[in-house]
C-alpha atoms as a PDB file:
ATOM      1  CA  UNK A   1      -3.144 -10.776  13.111  1.00  0.00           C
ATOM      2  CA  UNK A   2      -3.575 -10.944   9.328  1.00  0.00           C
ATOM      3  CA  UNK A   3      -6.058  -8.075   9.424  1.00  0.00           C
ATOM      4  CA  UNK A   4      -3.525  -5.864  11.180  1.00  0.00           C
ATOM      5  CA  UNK A   5      -0.883  -6.774   8.604  1.00  0.00           C
ATOM      6  CA  UNK A   6      -3.190  -5.908   5.713  1.00  0.00           C
ATOM      7  CA  UNK A   7      -4.273  -2.689   7.425  1.00  0.00           C
ATOM      8  CA  UNK A   8      -0.653  -1.659   7.928  1.00  0.00           C
ATOM      9  CA  UNK A   9       0.227  -2.355   4.302  1.00  0.00           C
ATOM     10  CA  UNK A  10      -2.778  -0.301   3.217  1.00  0.00           C
ATOM     11  CA  UNK A  11      -1.721   2.566   5.486  1.00  0.00           C
ATOM     12  CA  UNK A  12       1.727   2.545   3.882  1.00  0.00           C
ATOM     13  CA  UNK A  13       0.091   2.770   0.450  1.00  0.00           C
ATOM     14  CA  UNK A  14      -2.088   5.672   1.636  1.00  0.00           C
ATOM     15  CA  UNK A  15       0.952   7.447   3.047  1.00  0.00           C
ATOM     16  CA  UNK A  16       2.668   7.100  -0.319  1.00  0.00           C
ATOM     17  CA  UNK A  17      -0.314   8.438  -2.253  1.00  0.00           C
ATOM     18  CA  UNK A  18      -0.627  11.321   0.219  1.00  0.00           C
ATOM     19  CA  UNK A  19       3.060  12.104  -0.301  1.00  0.00           C
ATOM     20  CA  UNK A  20       3.815  11.556   3.395  1.00  0.00           C
ATOM     21  CA  UNK A  21       7.274  10.670   4.598  1.00  0.00           C
ATOM     22  CA  UNK A  22       7.514   6.893   4.981  1.00  0.00           C
ATOM     23  CA  UNK A  23       9.810   5.650   7.712  1.00  0.00           C
ATOM     24  CA  UNK A  24       9.476   2.861  10.234  1.00  0.00           C
ATOM     25  CA  UNK A  25       8.685   5.446  12.879  1.00  0.00           C
ATOM     26  CA  UNK A  26       6.034   7.248  10.814  1.00  0.00           C
ATOM     27  CA  UNK A  27       4.368   3.947   9.885  1.00  0.00           C
ATOM     28  CA  UNK A  28       4.313   2.892  13.559  1.00  0.00           C
ATOM     29  CA  UNK A  29       2.676   6.175  14.503  1.00  0.00           C
ATOM     30  CA  UNK A  30       0.120   6.130  11.685  1.00  0.00           C
ATOM     31  CA  UNK A  31      -0.777   2.433  11.963  1.00  0.00           C
ATOM     32  CA  UNK A  32      -0.628   2.267  15.747  1.00  0.00           C
ATOM     33  CA  UNK A  33       1.725  -0.711  15.730  1.00  0.00           C
ATOM     34  CA  UNK A  34       5.105  -1.377  17.298  1.00  0.00           C
ATOM     35  CA  UNK A  35       8.420  -1.441  15.465  1.00  0.00           C
ATOM     36  CA  UNK A  36       8.710  -5.076  16.497  1.00  0.00           C
ATOM     37  CA  UNK A  37       5.483  -5.767  14.583  1.00  0.00           C
ATOM     38  CA  UNK A  38       6.913  -4.069  11.479  1.00  0.00           C
ATOM     39  CA  UNK A  39      10.204  -5.917  11.664  1.00  0.00           C
ATOM     40  CA  UNK A  40       8.441  -9.269  12.149  1.00  0.00           C
ATOM     41  CA  UNK A  41       6.760  -8.922   8.729  1.00  0.00           C
ATOM     42  CA  UNK A  42       9.135  -9.022   5.744  1.00  0.00           C
ATOM     43  CA  UNK A  43       6.474  -7.698   3.381  1.00  0.00           C
ATOM     44  CA  UNK A  44       6.166  -4.549   5.501  1.00  0.00           C
ATOM     45  CA  UNK A  45       9.948  -4.102   5.590  1.00  0.00           C
ATOM     46  CA  UNK A  46      10.063  -4.509   1.814  1.00  0.00           C
ATOM     47  CA  UNK A  47       7.282  -1.989   1.205  1.00  0.00           C
ATOM     48  CA  UNK A  48       8.736   0.620   3.565  1.00  0.00           C
ATOM     49  CA  UNK A  49      12.197   0.190   2.040  1.00  0.00           C
ATOM     50  CA  UNK A  50      10.793   0.483  -1.460  1.00  0.00           C
ATOM     51  CA  UNK A  51       8.932   3.713  -0.786  1.00  0.00           C
ATOM     52  CA  UNK A  52      11.828   5.206   1.157  1.00  0.00           C
ATOM     53  CA  UNK A  53      14.014   4.706  -1.902  1.00  0.00           C
ATOM     54  CA  UNK A  54      11.362   5.752  -4.421  1.00  0.00           C
ATOM     55  CA  UNK A  55      12.425   9.398  -4.466  1.00  0.00           C
ATOM     56  CA  UNK A  56      15.960   8.454  -5.468  1.00  0.00           C
ATOM     57  CA  UNK A  57      14.699   6.899  -8.718  1.00  0.00           C
ATOM     58  CA  UNK A  58      14.806   8.798 -11.966  1.00  0.00           C
ATOM     59  CA  UNK A  59      11.636  10.089 -13.577  1.00  0.00           C
ATOM     60  CA  UNK A  60      11.255   7.197 -16.035  1.00  0.00           C
ATOM     61  CA  UNK A  61      11.604   4.573 -13.304  1.00  0.00           C
ATOM     62  CA  UNK A  62       9.061   6.371 -11.110  1.00  0.00           C
ATOM     63  CA  UNK A  63       6.627   6.632 -13.995  1.00  0.00           C
ATOM     64  CA  UNK A  64       6.943   2.907 -14.723  1.00  0.00           C
ATOM     65  CA  UNK A  65       6.246   2.072 -11.093  1.00  0.00           C
ATOM     66  CA  UNK A  66       3.319   4.460 -10.859  1.00  0.00           C
ATOM     67  CA  UNK A  67       1.796   3.061 -14.047  1.00  0.00           C
ATOM     68  CA  UNK A  68       2.089  -0.431 -12.612  1.00  0.00           C
ATOM     69  CA  UNK A  69       0.426   0.683  -9.379  1.00  0.00           C
ATOM     70  CA  UNK A  70      -2.300   2.391 -11.386  1.00  0.00           C
ATOM     71  CA  UNK A  71      -2.996  -0.784 -13.348  1.00  0.00           C
ATOM     72  CA  UNK A  72      -3.262  -2.814 -10.132  1.00  0.00           C
ATOM     73  CA  UNK A  73      -5.711  -0.292  -8.701  1.00  0.00           C
ATOM     74  CA  UNK A  74      -7.807  -0.412 -11.884  1.00  0.00           C
ATOM     75  CA  UNK A  75      -7.927  -4.206 -11.698  1.00  0.00           C
ATOM     76  CA  UNK A  76      -8.959  -4.077  -8.038  1.00  0.00           C
ATOM     77  CA  UNK A  77     -11.658  -1.506  -8.842  1.00  0.00           C
ATOM     78  CA  UNK A  78     -12.970  -3.695 -11.637  1.00  0.00           C
ATOM     79  CA  UNK A  79     -13.307  -6.631  -9.229  1.00  0.00           C
ATOM     80  CA  UNK A  80     -15.235  -4.448  -6.785  1.00  0.00           C
ATOM     81  CA  UNK A  81     -17.494  -3.189  -9.550  1.00  0.00           C
ATOM     82  CA  UNK A  82     -18.217  -6.749 -10.682  1.00  0.00           C
ATOM     83  CA  UNK A  83     -18.983  -7.828  -7.121  1.00  0.00           C
ATOM     84  CA  UNK A  84     -21.304  -4.851  -6.649  1.00  0.00           C
ATOM     85  CA  UNK A  85     -23.141  -5.571  -9.885  1.00  0.00           C
ATOM     86  CA  UNK A  86     -23.523  -9.232  -8.922  1.00  0.00           C
ATOM     87  CA  UNK A  87     -24.867  -8.318  -5.494  1.00  0.00           C
ATOM     88  CA  UNK A  88     -27.380  -5.900  -7.017  1.00  0.00           C
ATOM     89  CA  UNK A  89     -28.569  -8.531  -9.465  1.00  0.00           C
ATOM     90  CA  UNK A  90     -29.179 -10.965  -6.619  1.00  0.00           C
ATOM     91  CA  UNK A  91     -31.370  -8.594  -4.617  1.00  0.00           C
END
């Protein structure tokens, strides 16, 4: 079940970056999960609620959030790069 949770959270992120409308219904459709599944996971509810309200934020608040997201993505990419380099060294 954890894989489905992580997949759903990733789909929500992709929907945000693709500028798609994020609602419980649209996430259910895109992720292929039930609304019950969404509502049983507080982290999904939080993420959907956050992105639904994102457009009501002012420009400075949005920029701060986007910069934070960008930093997290850079850190994740760096970890992947390190893992790839390590795996290439071991072959």
